[in-house]
All heavy atoms as atom14 arrays in JSON, in Angstrom:
{
  "sequence": "PDDVSVTIRSRCRVVPLRQPPATAVAEVLVRRDGIAPDVAQWAAA",
  "atom14_mask": [
    [1, 1, 1, 1, 1, 1, 1, 0, 0, 0, 0, 0, 0, 0],
    [1, 1, 1, 1, 1, 1, 1, 1, 0, 0, 0, 0, 0, 0],
    [1, 1, 1, 1, 1, 1, 1, 1, 0, 0, 0, 0, 0, 0],
    [1, 1, 1, 1, 1, 1, 1, 0, 0, 0, 0, 0, 0, 0],
    [1, 1, 1, 1, 1, 1, 0, 0, 0, 0, 0, 0, 0, 0],
    [1, 1, 1, 1, 1, 1, 1, 0, 0, 0, 0, 0, 0, 0],
    [1, 1, 1, 1, 1, 1, 1, 0, 0, 0, 0, 0, 0, 0],
    [1, 1, 1, 1, 1, 1, 1, 1, 0, 0, 0, 0, 0, 0],
    [1, 1, 1, 1, 1, 1, 1, 1, 1, 1, 1, 0, 0, 0],
    [1, 1, 1, 1, 1, 1, 0, 0, 0, 0, 0, 0, 0, 0],
    [1, 1, 1, 1, 1, 1, 1, 1, 1, 1, 1, 0, 0, 0],
    [1, 1, 1, 1, 1, 1, 0, 0, 0, 0, 0, 0, 0, 0],
    [1, 1, 1, 1, 1, 1, 1, 1, 1, 1, 1, 0, 0, 0],
    [1, 1, 1, 1, 1, 1, 1, 0, 0, 0, 0, 0, 0, 0],
    [1, 1, 1, 1, 1, 1, 1, 0, 0, 0, 0, 0, 0, 0],
    [1, 1, 1, 1, 1, 1, 1, 0, 0, 0, 0, 0, 0, 0],
    [1, 1, 1, 1, 1, 1, 1, 1, 0, 0, 0, 0, 0, 0],
    [1, 1, 1, 1, 1, 1, 1, 1, 1, 1, 1, 0, 0, 0],
    [1, 1, 1, 1, 1, 1, 1, 1, 1, 0, 0, 0, 0, 0],
    [1, 1, 1, 1, 1, 1, 1, 0, 0, 0, 0, 0, 0, 0],
    [1, 1, 1, 1, 1, 1, 1, 0, 0, 0, 0, 0, 0, 0],
    [1, 1, 1, 1, 1, 0, 0, 0, 0, 0, 0, 0, 0, 0],
    [1, 1, 1, 1, 1, 1, 1, 0, 0, 0, 0, 0, 0, 0],
    [1, 1, 1, 1, 1, 0, 0, 0, 0, 0, 0, 0, 0, 0],
    [1, 1, 1, 1, 1, 1, 1, 0, 0, 0, 0, 0, 0, 0],
    [1, 1, 1, 1, 1, 0, 0, 0, 0, 0, 0, 0, 0, 0],
    [1, 1, 1, 1, 1, 1, 1, 1, 1, 0, 0, 0, 0, 0],
    [1, 1, 1, 1, 1, 1, 1, 0, 0, 0, 0, 0, 0, 0],
    [1, 1, 1, 1, 1, 1, 1, 1, 0, 0, 0, 0, 0, 0],
    [1, 1, 1, 1, 1, 1, 1, 0, 0, 0, 0, 0, 0, 0],
    [1, 1, 1, 1, 1, 1, 1, 1, 1, 1, 1, 0, 0, 0],
    [1, 1, 1, 1, 1, 1, 1, 1, 1, 1, 1, 0, 0, 0],
    [1, 1, 1, 1, 1, 1, 1, 1, 0, 0, 0, 0, 0, 0],
    [1, 1, 1, 1, 0, 0, 0, 0, 0, 0, 0, 0, 0, 0],
    [1, 1, 1, 1, 1, 1, 1, 1, 0, 0, 0, 0, 0, 0],
    [1, 1, 1, 1, 1, 0, 0, 0, 0, 0, 0, 0, 0, 0],
    [1, 1, 1, 1, 1, 1, 1, 0, 0, 0, 0, 0, 0, 0],
    [1, 1, 1, 1, 1, 1, 1, 1, 0, 0, 0, 0, 0, 0],
    [1, 1, 1, 1, 1, 1, 1, 0, 0, 0, 0, 0, 0, 0],
    [1, 1, 1, 1, 1, 0, 0, 0, 0, 0, 0, 0, 0, 0],
    [1, 1, 1, 1, 1, 1, 1, 1, 1, 0, 0, 0, 0, 0],
    [1, 1, 1, 1, 1, 1, 1, 1, 1, 1, 1, 1, 1, 1],
    [1, 1, 1, 1, 1, 0, 0, 0, 0, 0, 0, 0, 0, 0],
    [1, 1, 1, 1, 1, 0, 0, 0, 0, 0, 0, 0, 0, 0],
    [1, 1, 1, 1, 1, 0, 0, 0, 0, 0, 0, 0, 0, 0]
  ],
  "atom14_positions": [
    [[64.01, 11.0, -15.15], [63.37, 9.66, -15.13], [62.83, 9.24, -13.77], [61.93, 8.41, -13.7], [64.51, 8.74, -15.6], [65.37, 9.61, -16.45], [65.33, 10.97, -15.82], [0.0, 0.0, 0.0], [0.0, 0.0, 0.0], [0.0, 0.0, 0.0], [0.0, 0.0, 0.0], [0.0, 0.0, 0.0], [0.0, 0.0, 0.0], [0.0, 0.0, 0.0]],
    [[63.38, 9.8, -12.69], [62.84, 9.48, -11.36], [61.46, 10.09, -11.16], [60.69, 9.63, -10.3], [63.78, 10.0, -10.26], [65.06, 9.17, -10.16], [65.09, 8.07, -10.74], [66.01, 9.64, -9.53], [0.0, 0.0, 0.0], [0.0, 0.0, 0.0], [0.0, 0.0, 0.0], [0.0, 0.0, 0.0], [0.0, 0.0, 0.0], [0.0, 0.0, 0.0]],
    [[61.14, 11.13, -11.92], [59.84, 11.79, -11.79], [58.85, 11.35, -12.88], [57.68, 11.11, -12.59], [60.01, 13.32, -11.84], [60.72, 13.86, -10.62], [60.61, 13.23, -9.55], [61.39, 14.9, -10.73], [0.0, 0.0, 0.0], [0.0, 0.0, 0.0], [0.0, 0.0, 0.0], [0.0, 0.0, 0.0], [0.0, 0.0, 0.0], [0.0, 0.0, 0.0]],
    [[59.31, 11.3, -14.12], [58.46, 10.93, -15.24], [59.25, 9.98, -16.14], [60.42, 10.26, -16.46], [58.03, 12.17, -16.07], [57.17, 11.75, -17.25], [57.28, 13.15, -15.19], [0.0, 0.0, 0.0], [0.0, 0.0, 0.0], [0.0, 0.0, 0.0], [0.0, 0.0, 0.0], [0.0, 0.0, 0.0], [0.0, 0.0, 0.0], [0.0, 0.0, 0.0]],
    [[58.63, 8.88, -16.54], [59.34, 7.92, -17.38], [59.74, 8.56, -18.7], [59.07, 9.46, -19.21], [58.47, 6.68, -17.63], [57.44, 6.97, -18.56], [0.0, 0.0, 0.0], [0.0, 0.0, 0.0], [0.0, 0.0, 0.0], [0.0, 0.0, 0.0], [0.0, 0.0, 0.0], [0.0, 0.0, 0.0], [0.0, 0.0, 0.0], [0.0, 0.0, 0.0]],
    [[60.84, 8.07, -19.25], [61.36, 8.63, -20.49], [60.35, 8.48, -21.62], [60.2, 9.39, -22.46], [62.7, 7.94, -20.86], [63.19, 8.42, -22.23], [63.74, 8.22, -19.79], [0.0, 0.0, 0.0], [0.0, 0.0, 0.0], [0.0, 0.0, 0.0], [0.0, 0.0, 0.0], [0.0, 0.0, 0.0], [0.0, 0.0, 0.0], [0.0, 0.0, 0.0]],
    [[59.64, 7.37, -21.67], [58.7, 7.13, -22.76], [57.5, 8.08, -22.67], [57.02, 8.57, -23.69], [58.21, 5.67, -22.75], [57.84, 5.31, -21.41], [59.3, 4.75, -23.24], [0.0, 0.0, 0.0], [0.0, 0.0, 0.0], [0.0, 0.0, 0.0], [0.0, 0.0, 0.0], [0.0, 0.0, 0.0], [0.0, 0.0, 0.0], [0.0, 0.0, 0.0]],
    [[57.02, 8.35, -21.46], [55.93, 9.32, -21.32], [56.43, 10.71, -21.69], [55.77, 11.45, -22.42], [55.36, 9.3, -19.89], [54.58, 7.99, -19.64], [54.44, 10.5, -19.65], [54.0, 7.87, -18.25], [0.0, 0.0, 0.0], [0.0, 0.0, 0.0], [0.0, 0.0, 0.0], [0.0, 0.0, 0.0], [0.0, 0.0, 0.0], [0.0, 0.0, 0.0]],
    [[57.61, 11.06, -21.2], [58.18, 12.38, -21.51], [58.31, 12.59, -23.02], [58.03, 13.68, -23.53], [59.54, 12.5, -20.82], [60.51, 13.53, -21.44], [59.99, 14.93, -21.31], [60.84, 15.88, -22.03], [60.68, 16.25, -23.28], [59.68, 15.74, -24.0], [61.48, 17.12, -23.84], [0.0, 0.0, 0.0], [0.0, 0.0, 0.0], [0.0, 0.0, 0.0]],
    [[58.7, 11.56, -23.75], [58.95, 11.72, -25.18], [57.68, 11.98, -25.98], [57.75, 12.39, -27.14], [59.64, 10.47, -25.73], [58.78, 9.34, -25.67], [0.0, 0.0, 0.0], [0.0, 0.0, 0.0], [0.0, 0.0, 0.0], [0.0, 0.0, 0.0], [0.0, 0.0, 0.0], [0.0, 0.0, 0.0], [0.0, 0.0, 0.0], [0.0, 0.0, 0.0]],
    [[56.53, 11.74, -25.37], [55.26, 11.92, -26.06], [54.49, 13.14, -25.57], [53.32, 13.3, -25.89], [54.41, 10.65, -25.93], [54.97, 9.51, -26.78], [54.52, 8.15, -26.29], [55.0, 7.1, -27.17], [56.25, 6.59, -27.15], [57.12, 7.06, -26.28], [56.6, 5.64, -27.99], [0.0, 0.0, 0.0], [0.0, 0.0, 0.0], [0.0, 0.0, 0.0]],
    [[55.14, 13.95, -24.76], [54.47, 15.12, -24.19], [55.23, 16.4, -24.53], [56.44, 16.37, -24.75], [54.38, 15.0, -22.66], [53.45, 13.59, -22.05], [0.0, 0.0, 0.0], [0.0, 0.0, 0.0], [0.0, 0.0, 0.0], [0.0, 0.0, 0.0], [0.0, 0.0, 0.0], [0.0, 0.0, 0.0], [0.0, 0.0, 0.0], [0.0, 0.0, 0.0]],
    [[54.51, 17.5, -24.55], [55.15, 18.8, -24.65], [55.38, 19.32, -23.23], [54.48, 19.26, -22.4], [54.28, 19.78, -25.44], [54.92, 21.17, -25.6], [54.11, 22.03, -26.55], [54.09, 21.43, -27.88], [53.27, 21.8, -28.86], [52.37, 22.74, -28.63], [53.33, 21.22, -30.03], [0.0, 0.0, 0.0], [0.0, 0.0, 0.0], [0.0, 0.0, 0.0]],
    [[56.57, 19.82, -22.98], [56.95, 20.26, -21.63], [56.78, 21.76, -21.5], [57.2, 22.53, -22.36], [58.41, 19.86, -21.32], [58.8, 20.36, -19.92], [58.58, 18.35, -21.41], [0.0, 0.0, 0.0], [0.0, 0.0, 0.0], [0.0, 0.0, 0.0], [0.0, 0.0, 0.0], [0.0, 0.0, 0.0], [0.0, 0.0, 0.0], [0.0, 0.0, 0.0]],
    [[56.15, 22.16, -20.41], [56.01, 23.58, -20.07], [56.78, 23.81, -18.77], [56.3, 23.49, -17.68], [54.54, 23.98, -19.88], [54.43, 25.46, -19.52], [53.74, 23.69, -21.14], [0.0, 0.0, 0.0], [0.0, 0.0, 0.0], [0.0, 0.0, 0.0], [0.0, 0.0, 0.0], [0.0, 0.0, 0.0], [0.0, 0.0, 0.0], [0.0, 0.0, 0.0]],
    [[58.01, 24.33, -18.85], [58.79, 24.57, -17.63], [58.35, 25.84, -16.93], [58.17, 26.89, -17.55], [60.23, 24.69, -18.16], [60.07, 25.2, -19.56], [58.75, 24.66, -20.08], [0.0, 0.0, 0.0], [0.0, 0.0, 0.0], [0.0, 0.0, 0.0], [0.0, 0.0, 0.0], [0.0, 0.0, 0.0], [0.0, 0.0, 0.0], [0.0, 0.0, 0.0]],
    [[58.17, 25.73, -15.63], [57.82, 26.89, -14.8], [58.98, 27.21, -13.87], [59.71, 26.31, -13.46], [56.56, 26.61, -13.99], [55.31, 26.19, -14.78], [54.17, 25.86, -13.82], [54.88, 27.27, -15.76], [0.0, 0.0, 0.0], [0.0, 0.0, 0.0], [0.0, 0.0, 0.0], [0.0, 0.0, 0.0], [0.0, 0.0, 0.0], [0.0, 0.0, 0.0]],
    [[59.14, 28.47, -13.54], [60.23, 28.87, -12.65], [59.67, 29.29, -11.3], [58.46, 29.52, -11.16], [61.01, 30.02, -13.26], [60.2, 31.31, -13.44], [60.97, 32.34, -14.25], [60.24, 33.59, -14.38], [60.42, 34.65, -13.62], [61.31, 34.6, -12.62], [59.74, 35.75, -13.8], [0.0, 0.0, 0.0], [0.0, 0.0, 0.0], [0.0, 0.0, 0.0]],
    [[60.53, 29.36, -10.34], [60.1, 29.84, -9.03], [59.79, 31.34, -9.14], [60.65, 32.12, -9.55], [61.19, 29.62, -7.98], [60.74, 29.99, -6.59], [61.33, 29.07, -5.55], [61.89, 28.03, -5.86], [61.21, 29.45, -4.31], [0.0, 0.0, 0.0], [0.0, 0.0, 0.0], [0.0, 0.0, 0.0], [0.0, 0.0, 0.0], [0.0, 0.0, 0.0]],
    [[58.57, 31.75, -8.81], [58.22, 33.17, -8.99], [58.97, 34.04, -8.0], [59.25, 33.64, -6.87], [56.71, 33.18, -8.72], [56.45, 31.99, -7.87], [57.44, 30.95, -8.31], [0.0, 0.0, 0.0], [0.0, 0.0, 0.0], [0.0, 0.0, 0.0], [0.0, 0.0, 0.0], [0.0, 0.0, 0.0], [0.0, 0.0, 0.0], [0.0, 0.0, 0.0]],
    [[59.31, 35.26, -8.4], [59.98, 36.17, -7.47], [59.06, 36.58, -6.34], [57.83, 36.6, -6.49], [60.34, 37.37, -8.37], [59.38, 37.3, -9.51], [59.11, 35.85, -9.73], [0.0, 0.0, 0.0], [0.0, 0.0, 0.0], [0.0, 0.0, 0.0], [0.0, 0.0, 0.0], [0.0, 0.0, 0.0], [0.0, 0.0, 0.0], [0.0, 0.0, 0.0]],
    [[59.66, 36.91, -5.21], [58.88, 37.25, -4.02], [57.99, 38.46, -4.27], [56.87, 38.54, -3.75], [59.81, 37.51, -2.84], [0.0, 0.0, 0.0], [0.0, 0.0, 0.0], [0.0, 0.0, 0.0], [0.0, 0.0, 0.0], [0.0, 0.0, 0.0], [0.0, 0.0, 0.0], [0.0, 0.0, 0.0], [0.0, 0.0, 0.0], [0.0, 0.0, 0.0]],
    [[58.46, 39.4, -5.08], [57.64, 40.58, -5.35], [56.35, 40.22, -6.08], [55.29, 40.8, -5.8], [58.44, 41.59, -6.2], [58.96, 40.92, -7.36], [59.59, 42.18, -5.4], [0.0, 0.0, 0.0], [0.0, 0.0, 0.0], [0.0, 0.0, 0.0], [0.0, 0.0, 0.0], [0.0, 0.0, 0.0], [0.0, 0.0, 0.0], [0.0, 0.0, 0.0]],
    [[56.44, 39.25, -7.01], [55.24, 38.83, -7.74], [54.27, 38.09, -6.82], [53.05, 38.25, -6.91], [55.62, 37.94, -8.92], [0.0, 0.0, 0.0], [0.0, 0.0, 0.0], [0.0, 0.0, 0.0], [0.0, 0.0, 0.0], [0.0, 0.0, 0.0], [0.0, 0.0, 0.0], [0.0, 0.0, 0.0], [0.0, 0.0, 0.0], [0.0, 0.0, 0.0]],
    [[54.82, 37.26, -5.91], [53.97, 36.56, -4.95], [53.27, 37.55, -4.02], [52.07, 37.43, -3.75], [54.81, 35.55, -4.13], [53.96, 34.9, -3.04], [55.4, 34.48, -5.04], [0.0, 0.0, 0.0], [0.0, 0.0, 0.0], [0.0, 0.0, 0.0], [0.0, 0.0, 0.0], [0.0, 0.0, 0.0], [0.0, 0.0, 0.0], [0.0, 0.0, 0.0]],
    [[54.01, 38.53, -3.55], [53.42, 39.54, -2.67], [52.31, 40.3, -3.38], [51.26, 40.59, -2.78], [54.5, 40.5, -2.18], [0.0, 0.0, 0.0], [0.0, 0.0, 0.0], [0.0, 0.0, 0.0], [0.0, 0.0, 0.0], [0.0, 0.0, 0.0], [0.0, 0.0, 0.0], [0.0, 0.0, 0.0], [0.0, 0.0, 0.0], [0.0, 0.0, 0.0]],
    [[52.52, 40.6, -4.63], [51.51, 41.35, -5.39], [50.2, 40.57, -5.49], [49.11, 41.14, -5.32], [52.04, 41.66, -6.79], [51.15, 42.56, -7.63], [50.03, 41.81, -8.34], [50.24, 40.63, -8.68], [48.96, 42.4, -8.54], [0.0, 0.0, 0.0], [0.0, 0.0, 0.0], [0.0, 0.0, 0.0], [0.0, 0.0, 0.0], [0.0, 0.0, 0.0]],
    [[50.28, 39.26, -5.73], [49.06, 38.48, -5.87], [48.37, 38.31, -4.51], [47.14, 38.25, -4.43], [49.35, 37.12, -6.53], [49.93, 36.11, -5.55], [48.08, 36.54, -7.15], [0.0, 0.0, 0.0], [0.0, 0.0, 0.0], [0.0, 0.0, 0.0], [0.0, 0.0, 0.0], [0.0, 0.0, 0.0], [0.0, 0.0, 0.0], [0.0, 0.0, 0.0]],
    [[49.14, 38.26, -3.43], [48.54, 38.17, -2.1], [47.75, 39.45, -1.78], [46.67, 39.39, -1.2], [49.61, 37.95, -1.04], [50.33, 36.59, -1.04], [51.37, 36.55, 0.07], [49.34, 35.44, -0.88], [0.0, 0.0, 0.0], [0.0, 0.0, 0.0], [0.0, 0.0, 0.0], [0.0, 0.0, 0.0], [0.0, 0.0, 0.0], [0.0, 0.0, 0.0]],
    [[48.3, 40.58, -2.16], [47.61, 41.85, -1.93], [46.37, 41.95, -2.8], [45.28, 42.31, -2.33], [48.56, 43.03, -2.19], [47.81, 44.36, -2.12], [49.72, 43.02, -1.19], [0.0, 0.0, 0.0], [0.0, 0.0, 0.0], [0.0, 0.0, 0.0], [0.0, 0.0, 0.0], [0.0, 0.0, 0.0], [0.0, 0.0, 0.0], [0.0, 0.0, 0.0]],
    [[46.53, 41.61, -4.08], [45.42, 41.78, -5.03], [44.31, 40.77, -4.8], [43.13, 41.11, -4.78], [45.95, 41.64, -6.46], [44.87, 41.57, -7.54], [45.46, 41.46, -8.92], [46.37, 40.36, -9.06], [45.97, 39.09, -9.27], [44.68, 38.8, -9.31], [46.85, 38.13, -9.41], [0.0, 0.0, 0.0], [0.0, 0.0, 0.0], [0.0, 0.0, 0.0]],
    [[44.67, 39.5, -4.64], [43.67, 38.44, -4.57], [43.11, 38.23, -3.17], [41.92, 37.99, -2.99], [44.28, 37.13, -5.09], [43.31, 35.95, -5.15], [44.06, 34.68, -5.47], [45.01, 34.33, -4.42], [45.9, 33.35, -4.53], [45.99, 32.66, -5.64], [46.74, 33.08, -3.53], [0.0, 0.0, 0.0], [0.0, 0.0, 0.0], [0.0, 0.0, 0.0]],
    [[43.99, 38.33, -2.16], [43.58, 37.96, -0.81], [43.41, 39.15, 0.12], [43.02, 38.97, 1.28], [44.59, 36.98, -0.21], [44.73, 35.71, -1.05], [43.69, 35.12, -1.39], [45.87, 35.32, -1.37], [0.0, 0.0, 0.0], [0.0, 0.0, 0.0], [0.0, 0.0, 0.0], [0.0, 0.0, 0.0], [0.0, 0.0, 0.0], [0.0, 0.0, 0.0]],
    [[43.7, 40.36, -0.36], [43.51, 41.54, 0.48], [44.45, 41.62, 1.66], [44.12, 42.21, 2.69], [0.0, 0.0, 0.0], [0.0, 0.0, 0.0], [0.0, 0.0, 0.0], [0.0, 0.0, 0.0], [0.0, 0.0, 0.0], [0.0, 0.0, 0.0], [0.0, 0.0, 0.0], [0.0, 0.0, 0.0], [0.0, 0.0, 0.0], [0.0, 0.0, 0.0]],
    [[45.63, 41.04, 1.55], [46.6, 41.05, 2.63], [47.39, 42.36, 2.6], [47.7, 42.89, 1.53], [47.54, 39.83, 2.51], [46.72, 38.54, 2.71], [48.68, 39.89, 3.5], [47.48, 37.28, 2.37], [0.0, 0.0, 0.0], [0.0, 0.0, 0.0], [0.0, 0.0, 0.0], [0.0, 0.0, 0.0], [0.0, 0.0, 0.0], [0.0, 0.0, 0.0]],
    [[47.7, 42.88, 3.76], [48.46, 44.13, 3.86], [49.8, 44.0, 3.14], [50.46, 42.96, 3.25], [48.68, 44.49, 5.32], [0.0, 0.0, 0.0], [0.0, 0.0, 0.0], [0.0, 0.0, 0.0], [0.0, 0.0, 0.0], [0.0, 0.0, 0.0], [0.0, 0.0, 0.0], [0.0, 0.0, 0.0], [0.0, 0.0, 0.0], [0.0, 0.0, 0.0]],
    [[50.25, 45.03, 2.43], [51.49, 44.92, 1.64], [52.71, 44.5, 2.44], [53.51, 43.69, 1.96], [51.65, 46.33, 1.06], [50.25, 46.86, 0.98], [49.54, 46.3, 2.18], [0.0, 0.0, 0.0], [0.0, 0.0, 0.0], [0.0, 0.0, 0.0], [0.0, 0.0, 0.0], [0.0, 0.0, 0.0], [0.0, 0.0, 0.0], [0.0, 0.0, 0.0]],
    [[52.89, 45.04, 3.66], [54.08, 44.68, 4.42], [54.05, 43.21, 4.85], [55.07, 42.5, 4.82], [54.22, 45.59, 5.64], [52.99, 45.57, 6.54], [51.89, 45.22, 6.04], [53.12, 45.89, 7.73], [0.0, 0.0, 0.0], [0.0, 0.0, 0.0], [0.0, 0.0, 0.0], [0.0, 0.0, 0.0], [0.0, 0.0, 0.0], [0.0, 0.0, 0.0]],
    [[52.86, 42.72, 5.25], [52.72, 41.31, 5.62], [52.93, 40.42, 4.4], [53.58, 39.36, 4.48], [51.33, 41.05, 6.24], [51.14, 39.57, 6.54], [51.16, 41.87, 7.51], [0.0, 0.0, 0.0], [0.0, 0.0, 0.0], [0.0, 0.0, 0.0], [0.0, 0.0, 0.0], [0.0, 0.0, 0.0], [0.0, 0.0, 0.0], [0.0, 0.0, 0.0]],
    [[52.4, 40.84, 3.26], [52.55, 40.06, 2.03], [54.02, 39.95, 1.62], [54.48, 38.87, 1.22], [51.74, 40.69, 0.9], [0.0, 0.0, 0.0], [0.0, 0.0, 0.0], [0.0, 0.0, 0.0], [0.0, 0.0, 0.0], [0.0, 0.0, 0.0], [0.0, 0.0, 0.0], [0.0, 0.0, 0.0], [0.0, 0.0, 0.0], [0.0, 0.0, 0.0]],
    [[54.77, 41.05, 1.76], [56.2, 41.02, 1.41], [56.95, 40.06, 2.32], [57.79, 39.28, 1.87], [56.78, 42.43, 1.51], [56.35, 43.38, 0.41], [57.02, 43.08, -0.92], [57.89, 42.23, -1.02], [56.59, 43.79, -1.96], [0.0, 0.0, 0.0], [0.0, 0.0, 0.0], [0.0, 0.0, 0.0], [0.0, 0.0, 0.0], [0.0, 0.0, 0.0]],
    [[56.65, 40.13, 3.62], [57.33, 39.23, 4.56], [56.99, 37.78, 4.27], [57.88, 36.91, 4.21], [56.91, 39.58, 5.99], [57.34, 38.52, 6.97], [58.57, 38.36, 7.52], [56.53, 37.44, 7.46], [58.58, 37.24, 8.33], [57.35, 36.66, 8.31], [55.21, 37.05, 7.26], [56.87, 35.53, 8.96], [54.74, 35.92, 7.91], [55.55, 35.18, 8.75]],
    [[55.71, 37.48, 4.08], [55.28, 36.1, 3.85], [55.87, 35.55, 2.55], [56.28, 34.39, 2.48], [53.76, 36.02, 3.82], [0.0, 0.0, 0.0], [0.0, 0.0, 0.0], [0.0, 0.0, 0.0], [0.0, 0.0, 0.0], [0.0, 0.0, 0.0], [0.0, 0.0, 0.0], [0.0, 0.0, 0.0], [0.0, 0.0, 0.0], [0.0, 0.0, 0.0]],
    [[55.91, 36.37, 1.5], [56.44, 35.92, 0.22], [57.92, 35.57, 0.33], [58.38, 34.56, -0.23], [56.24, 37.0, -0.84], [0.0, 0.0, 0.0], [0.0, 0.0, 0.0], [0.0, 0.0, 0.0], [0.0, 0.0, 0.0], [0.0, 0.0, 0.0], [0.0, 0.0, 0.0], [0.0, 0.0, 0.0], [0.0, 0.0, 0.0], [0.0, 0.0, 0.0]],
    [[58.67, 36.38, 1.08], [60.09, 36.09, 1.26], [60.29, 34.84, 2.12], [61.11, 33.97, 1.81], [60.79, 37.29, 1.9], [0.0, 0.0, 0.0], [0.0, 0.0, 0.0], [0.0, 0.0, 0.0], [0.0, 0.0, 0.0], [0.0, 0.0, 0.0], [0.0, 0.0, 0.0], [0.0, 0.0, 0.0], [0.0, 0.0, 0.0], [0.0, 0.0, 0.0]]
  ]
}
């Protein structure tokens, strides 16, 4: 309720997202941004 009122919540469908693992973040940095794998691993962690 501190984030979203109960009445608004009751009329919406909720899509919960989780914190992505560092390996997945590193992979997208390499694929999308062309960052070196070792730098991507460090930055993701």
